[in-house]
């Protein structure tokens, strides 16, 4: 299953120490470039936001 997410879900999971939950539940998590940039800024400031493997796509829709 592929999931498309914005940063609010990822931020809140990281705040409660469950940032890896997406990787455990879903094969791939896709975020838009703007969300990736926001998350990268947070990861640079707080280690709890680092280490997630996220796929960045220009379009939120997976290729057909």
PDB file of N, CA and C in Angstrom:
ATOM      1  N   UNK A   1       0.838  -1.167   0.000  1.00  0.00           N
ATOM      2  CA  UNK A   1       0.000   0.000   0.000  1.00  0.00           C
ATOM      3  C   UNK A   1       0.893   1.244   0.000  1.00  0.00           C
ATOM      4  N   UNK A   2       0.512   2.217  -0.796  1.00  0.00           N
ATOM      5  CA  UNK A   2       1.230   3.485  -0.865  1.00  0.00           C
ATOM      6  C   UNK A   2       0.403   4.545  -0.154  1.00  0.00           C
ATOM      7  N   UNK A   3       1.059   5.359   0.640  1.00  0.00           N
ATOM      8  CA  UNK A   3       0.388   6.421   1.387  1.00  0.00           C
ATOM      9  C   UNK A   3       0.959   7.757   0.961  1.00  0.00           C
ATOM     10  N   UNK A   4       0.075   8.735   0.762  1.00  0.00           N
ATOM     11  CA  UNK A   4       0.491  10.103   0.484  1.00  0.00           C
ATOM     12  C   UNK A   4       0.225  10.893   1.748  1.00  0.00           C
ATOM     13  N   UNK A   5       1.245  11.594   2.264  1.00  0.00           N
ATOM     14  CA  UNK A   5       1.094  12.292   3.546  1.00  0.00           C
ATOM     15  C   UNK A   5       1.662  13.699   3.484  1.00  0.00           C
ATOM     16  N   UNK A   6       1.113  14.551   4.320  1.00  0.00           N
ATOM     17  CA  UNK A   6       1.716  15.868   4.507  1.00  0.00           C
ATOM     18  C   UNK A   6       2.503  15.832   5.815  1.00  0.00           C
ATOM     19  N   UNK A   7       3.130  16.929   6.154  1.00  0.00           N
ATOM     20  CA  UNK A   7       4.011  16.899   7.318  1.00  0.00           C
ATOM     21  C   UNK A   7       3.273  16.833   8.640  1.00  0.00           C
ATOM     22  N   UNK A   8       2.015  17.260   8.717  1.00  0.00           N
ATOM     23  CA  UNK A   8       1.324  17.280  10.015  1.00  0.00           C
ATOM     24  C   UNK A   8       1.245  15.881  10.621  1.00  0.00           C
ATOM     25  N   UNK A   9       0.951  14.881   9.811  1.00  0.00           N
ATOM     26  CA  UNK A   9       0.884  13.513  10.318  1.00  0.00           C
ATOM     27  C   UNK A   9       2.261  13.050  10.795  1.00  0.00           C
ATOM     28  N   UNK A  10       3.278  13.298   9.993  1.00  0.00           N
ATOM     29  CA  UNK A  10       4.636  12.878  10.349  1.00  0.00           C
ATOM     30  C   UNK A  10       5.143  13.598  11.589  1.00  0.00           C
ATOM     31  N   UNK A  11       4.899  14.889  11.674  1.00  0.00           N
ATOM     32  CA  UNK A  11       5.344  15.678  12.830  1.00  0.00           C
ATOM     33  C   UNK A  11       4.696  15.153  14.107  1.00  0.00           C
ATOM     34  N   UNK A  12       3.392  14.924  14.056  1.00  0.00           N
ATOM     35  CA  UNK A  12       2.699  14.457  15.256  1.00  0.00           C
ATOM     36  C   UNK A  12       3.146  13.064  15.671  1.00  0.00           C
ATOM     37  N   UNK A  13       3.395  12.175  14.717  1.00  0.00           N
ATOM     38  CA  UNK A  13       3.917  10.851  15.072  1.00  0.00           C
ATOM     39  C   UNK A  13       5.300  10.966  15.706  1.00  0.00           C
ATOM     40  N   UNK A  14       6.147  11.831  15.167  1.00  0.00           N
ATOM     41  CA  UNK A  14       7.482  12.011  15.736  1.00  0.00           C
ATOM     42  C   UNK A  14       7.414  12.609  17.137  1.00  0.00           C
ATOM     43  N   UNK A  15       6.485  13.496  17.354  1.00  0.00           N
ATOM     44  CA  UNK A  15       6.338  14.118  18.684  1.00  0.00           C
ATOM     45  C   UNK A  15       6.014  13.095  19.764  1.00  0.00           C
ATOM     46  N   UNK A  16       5.311  12.042  19.390  1.00  0.00           N
ATOM     47  CA  UNK A  16       4.970  11.008  20.372  1.00  0.00           C
ATOM     48  C   UNK A  16       5.885   9.800  20.263  1.00  0.00           C
ATOM     49  N   UNK A  17       7.007   9.962  19.554  1.00  0.00           N
ATOM     50  CA  UNK A  17       8.005   8.907  19.471  1.00  0.00           C
ATOM     51  C   UNK A  17       7.631   7.754  18.554  1.00  0.00           C
ATOM     52  N   UNK A  18       6.734   7.979  17.610  1.00  0.00           N
ATOM     53  CA  UNK A  18       6.282   6.914  16.717  1.00  0.00           C
ATOM     54  C   UNK A  18       6.553   7.240  15.252  1.00  0.00           C
ATOM     55  N   UNK A  19       7.633   7.955  14.966  1.00  0.00           N
ATOM     56  CA  UNK A  19       7.959   8.337  13.599  1.00  0.00           C
ATOM     57  C   UNK A  19       8.140   7.163  12.657  1.00  0.00           C
ATOM     58  N   UNK A  20       8.583   6.033  13.150  1.00  0.00           N
ATOM     59  CA  UNK A  20       8.797   4.858  12.318  1.00  0.00           C
ATOM     60  C   UNK A  20       7.532   4.068  12.026  1.00  0.00           C
ATOM     61  N   UNK A  21       6.413   4.485  12.592  1.00  0.00           N
ATOM     62  CA  UNK A  21       5.167   3.746  12.404  1.00  0.00           C
ATOM     63  C   UNK A  21       4.753   3.655  10.941  1.00  0.00           C
ATOM     64  N   UNK A  22       4.927   4.753  10.193  1.00  0.00           N
ATOM     65  CA  UNK A  22       4.581   4.732   8.769  1.00  0.00           C
ATOM     66  C   UNK A  22       5.363   3.648   8.041  1.00  0.00           C
ATOM     67  N   UNK A  23       6.654   3.553   8.335  1.00  0.00           N
ATOM     68  CA  UNK A  23       7.490   2.561   7.658  1.00  0.00           C
ATOM     69  C   UNK A  23       7.084   1.136   8.033  1.00  0.00           C
ATOM     70  N   UNK A  24       6.571   0.953   9.229  1.00  0.00           N
ATOM     71  CA  UNK A  24       6.132  -0.379   9.653  1.00  0.00           C
ATOM     72  C   UNK A  24       4.806  -0.770   9.006  1.00  0.00           C
ATOM     73  N   UNK A  25       3.932   0.202   8.788  1.00  0.00           N
ATOM     74  CA  UNK A  25       2.591  -0.084   8.291  1.00  0.00           C
ATOM     75  C   UNK A  25       2.448  -0.049   6.776  1.00  0.00           C
ATOM     76  N   UNK A  26       3.263   0.785   6.123  1.00  0.00           N
ATOM     77  CA  UNK A  26       3.056   1.009   4.697  1.00  0.00           C
ATOM     78  C   UNK A  26       4.334   0.758   3.905  1.00  0.00           C
ATOM     79  N   UNK A  27       4.162   0.262   2.704  1.00  0.00           N
ATOM     80  CA  UNK A  27       5.297  -0.046   1.826  1.00  0.00           C
ATOM     81  C   UNK A  27       6.046   1.219   1.446  1.00  0.00           C
ATOM     82  N   UNK A  28       5.302   2.269   1.128  1.00  0.00           N
ATOM     83  CA  UNK A  28       5.927   3.505   0.672  1.00  0.00           C
ATOM     84  C   UNK A  28       5.093   4.685   1.149  1.00  0.00           C
ATOM     85  N   UNK A  29       5.778   5.731   1.610  1.00  0.00           N
ATOM     86  CA  UNK A  29       5.122   6.969   2.006  1.00  0.00           C
ATOM     87  C   UNK A  29       5.597   8.057   1.059  1.00  0.00           C
ATOM     88  N   UNK A  30       4.654   8.710   0.392  1.00  0.00           N
ATOM     89  CA  UNK A  30       4.988   9.736  -0.591  1.00  0.00           C
ATOM     90  C   UNK A  30       4.615  11.100  -0.040  1.00  0.00           C
ATOM     91  N   UNK A  31       5.553  12.035  -0.131  1.00  0.00           N
ATOM     92  CA  UNK A  31       5.271  13.393   0.303  1.00  0.00           C
ATOM     93  C   UNK A  31       5.655  14.359  -0.810  1.00  0.00           C
ATOM     94  N   UNK A  32       4.947  15.492  -0.896  1.00  0.00           N
ATOM     95  CA  UNK A  32       5.307  16.497  -1.901  1.00  0.00           C
ATOM     96  C   UNK A  32       6.622  17.180  -1.528  1.00  0.00           C
ATOM     97  N   UNK A  33       7.317  17.779  -2.500  1.00  0.00           N
ATOM     98  CA  UNK A  33       8.609  18.423  -2.228  1.00  0.00           C
ATOM     99  C   UNK A  33       8.539  19.480  -1.129  1.00  0.00           C
ATOM    100  N   UNK A  34       7.445  20.224  -1.063  1.00  0.00           N
ATOM    101  CA  UNK A  34       7.311  21.259  -0.024  1.00  0.00           C
ATOM    102  C   UNK A  34       7.268  20.638   1.370  1.00  0.00           C
ATOM    103  N   UNK A  35       6.583  19.523   1.492  1.00  0.00           N
ATOM    104  CA  UNK A  35       6.526  18.828   2.775  1.00  0.00           C
ATOM    105  C   UNK A  35       7.896  18.257   3.130  1.00  0.00           C
ATOM    106  N   UNK A  36       8.614  17.753   2.135  1.00  0.00           N
ATOM    107  CA  UNK A  36       9.958  17.224   2.374  1.00  0.00           C
ATOM    108  C   UNK A  36      10.891  18.321   2.875  1.00  0.00           C
ATOM    109  N   UNK A  37      10.789  19.506   2.285  1.00  0.00           N
ATOM    110  CA  UNK A  37      11.639  20.625   2.704  1.00  0.00           C
ATOM    111  C   UNK A  37      11.319  21.026   4.142  1.00  0.00           C
ATOM    112  N   UNK A  38      10.041  21.087   4.487  1.00  0.00           N
ATOM    113  CA  UNK A  38       9.642  21.436   5.847  1.00  0.00           C
ATOM    114  C   UNK A  38      10.147  20.397   6.836  1.00  0.00           C
ATOM    115  N   UNK A  39      10.007  19.128   6.474  1.00  0.00           N
ATOM    116  CA  UNK A  39      10.458  18.060   7.360  1.00  0.00           C
ATOM    117  C   UNK A  39      11.975  18.063   7.503  1.00  0.00           C
ATOM    118  N   UNK A  40      12.698  18.364   6.432  1.00  0.00           N
ATOM    119  CA  UNK A  40      14.168  18.430   6.487  1.00  0.00           C
ATOM    120  C   UNK A  40      14.620  19.541   7.434  1.00  0.00           C
ATOM    121  N   UNK A  41      13.923  20.670   7.409  1.00  0.00           N
ATOM    122  CA  UNK A  41      14.260  21.763   8.342  1.00  0.00           C
ATOM    123  C   UNK A  41      14.071  21.319   9.789  1.00  0.00           C
ATOM    124  N   UNK A  42      12.993  20.602  10.052  1.00  0.00           N
ATOM    125  CA  UNK A  42      12.753  20.098  11.405  1.00  0.00           C
ATOM    126  C   UNK A  42      13.806  19.067  11.806  1.00  0.00           C
ATOM    127  N   UNK A  43      14.151  18.172  10.883  1.00  0.00           N
ATOM    128  CA  UNK A  43      15.141  17.128  11.174  1.00  0.00           C
ATOM    129  C   UNK A  43      16.511  17.725  11.478  1.00  0.00           C
ATOM    130  N   UNK A  44      16.822  18.858  10.866  1.00  0.00           N
ATOM    131  CA  UNK A  44      18.105  19.517  11.118  1.00  0.00           C
ATOM    132  C   UNK A  44      18.163  20.086  12.533  1.00  0.00           C
ATOM    133  N   UNK A  45      17.005  20.358  13.109  1.00  0.00           N
ATOM    134  CA  UNK A  45      16.968  20.966  14.453  1.00  0.00           C
ATOM    135  C   UNK A  45      16.702  19.963  15.564  1.00  0.00           C
ATOM    136  N   UNK A  46      16.032  18.856  15.253  1.00  0.00           N
ATOM    137  CA  UNK A  46      15.674  17.898  16.302  1.00  0.00           C
ATOM    138  C   UNK A  46      15.834  16.470  15.779  1.00  0.00           C
ATOM    139  N   UNK A  47      16.587  15.673  16.493  1.00  0.00           N
ATOM    140  CA  UNK A  47      16.896  14.314  16.040  1.00  0.00           C
ATOM    141  C   UNK A  47      15.660  13.428  15.939  1.00  0.00           C
ATOM    142  N   UNK A  48      14.607  13.735  16.683  1.00  0.00           N
ATOM    143  CA  UNK A  48      13.416  12.882  16.619  1.00  0.00           C
ATOM    144  C   UNK A  48      12.758  12.903  15.241  1.00  0.00           C
ATOM    145  N   UNK A  49      13.095  13.911  14.422  1.00  0.00           N
ATOM    146  CA  UNK A  49      12.529  14.020  13.087  1.00  0.00           C
ATOM    147  C   UNK A  49      13.434  13.425  12.011  1.00  0.00           C
ATOM    148  N   UNK A  50      14.584  12.895  12.380  1.00  0.00           N
ATOM    149  CA  UNK A  50      15.506  12.366  11.370  1.00  0.00           C
ATOM    150  C   UNK A  50      15.355  10.856  11.241  1.00  0.00           C
ATOM    151  N   UNK A  51      15.836  10.332  10.130  1.00  0.00           N
ATOM    152  CA  UNK A  51      15.868   8.888   9.942  1.00  0.00           C
ATOM    153  C   UNK A  51      14.679   8.282   9.230  1.00  0.00           C
ATOM    154  N   UNK A  52      13.670   9.081   8.902  1.00  0.00           N
ATOM    155  CA  UNK A  52      12.534   8.528   8.176  1.00  0.00           C
ATOM    156  C   UNK A  52      12.874   8.414   6.701  1.00  0.00           C
ATOM    157  N   UNK A  53      12.442   7.336   6.071  1.00  0.00           N
ATOM    158  CA  UNK A  53      12.658   7.149   4.639  1.00  0.00           C
ATOM    159  C   UNK A  53      11.362   7.498   3.921  1.00  0.00           C
ATOM    160  N   UNK A  54      11.376   8.628   3.242  1.00  0.00           N
ATOM    161  CA  UNK A  54      10.186   9.115   2.560  1.00  0.00           C
ATOM    162  C   UNK A  54      10.489   9.324   1.087  1.00  0.00           C
ATOM    163  N   UNK A  55       9.523   9.029   0.242  1.00  0.00           N
ATOM    164  CA  UNK A  55       9.662   9.238  -1.185  1.00  0.00           C
ATOM    165  C   UNK A  55       9.074  10.591  -1.534  1.00  0.00           C
ATOM    166  N   UNK A  56       9.836  11.397  -2.246  1.00  0.00           N
ATOM    167  CA  UNK A  56       9.365  12.713  -2.650  1.00  0.00           C
ATOM    168  C   UNK A  56       8.980  12.647  -4.132  1.00  0.00           C
ATOM    169  N   UNK A  57       7.784  13.091  -4.421  1.00  0.00           N
ATOM    170  CA  UNK A  57       7.308  13.155  -5.803  1.00  0.00           C
ATOM    171  C   UNK A  57       6.769  14.538  -6.088  1.00  0.00           C
ATOM    172  N   UNK A  58       6.958  14.988  -7.308  1.00  0.00           N
ATOM    173  CA  UNK A  58       6.435  16.299  -7.695  1.00  0.00           C
ATOM    174  C   UNK A  58       4.916  16.302  -7.690  1.00  0.00           C
ATOM    175  N   UNK A  59       4.326  15.163  -7.947  1.00  0.00           N
ATOM    176  CA  UNK A  59       2.872  15.042  -7.936  1.00  0.00           C
ATOM    177  C   UNK A  59       2.499  14.060  -6.839  1.00  0.00           C
ATOM    178  N   UNK A  60       1.420  14.354  -6.141  1.00  0.00           N
ATOM    179  CA  UNK A  60       0.968  13.456  -5.083  1.00  0.00           C
ATOM    180  C   UNK A  60       0.382  12.168  -5.653  1.00  0.00           C
ATOM    181  N   UNK A  61       0.093  12.143  -6.951  1.00  0.00           N
ATOM    182  CA  UNK A  61      -0.485  10.952  -7.569  1.00  0.00           C
ATOM    183  C   UNK A  61       0.620  10.022  -8.037  1.00  0.00           C
ATOM    184  N   UNK A  62       0.570   8.759  -7.646  1.00  0.00           N
ATOM    185  CA  UNK A  62       1.566   7.807  -8.125  1.00  0.00           C
ATOM    186  C   UNK A  62       1.460   7.631  -9.627  1.00  0.00           C
ATOM    187  N   UNK A  63       2.563   7.272 -10.282  1.00  0.00           N
ATOM    188  CA  UNK A  63       2.512   7.058 -11.726  1.00  0.00           C
ATOM    189  C   UNK A  63       1.543   5.935 -12.081  1.00  0.00           C
ATOM    190  N   UNK A  64       0.902   6.067 -13.217  1.00  0.00           N
ATOM    191  CA  UNK A  64      -0.083   5.062 -13.650  1.00  0.00           C
ATOM    192  C   UNK A  64       0.607   3.842 -14.214  1.00  0.00           C
TER     193      UNK A  64
END
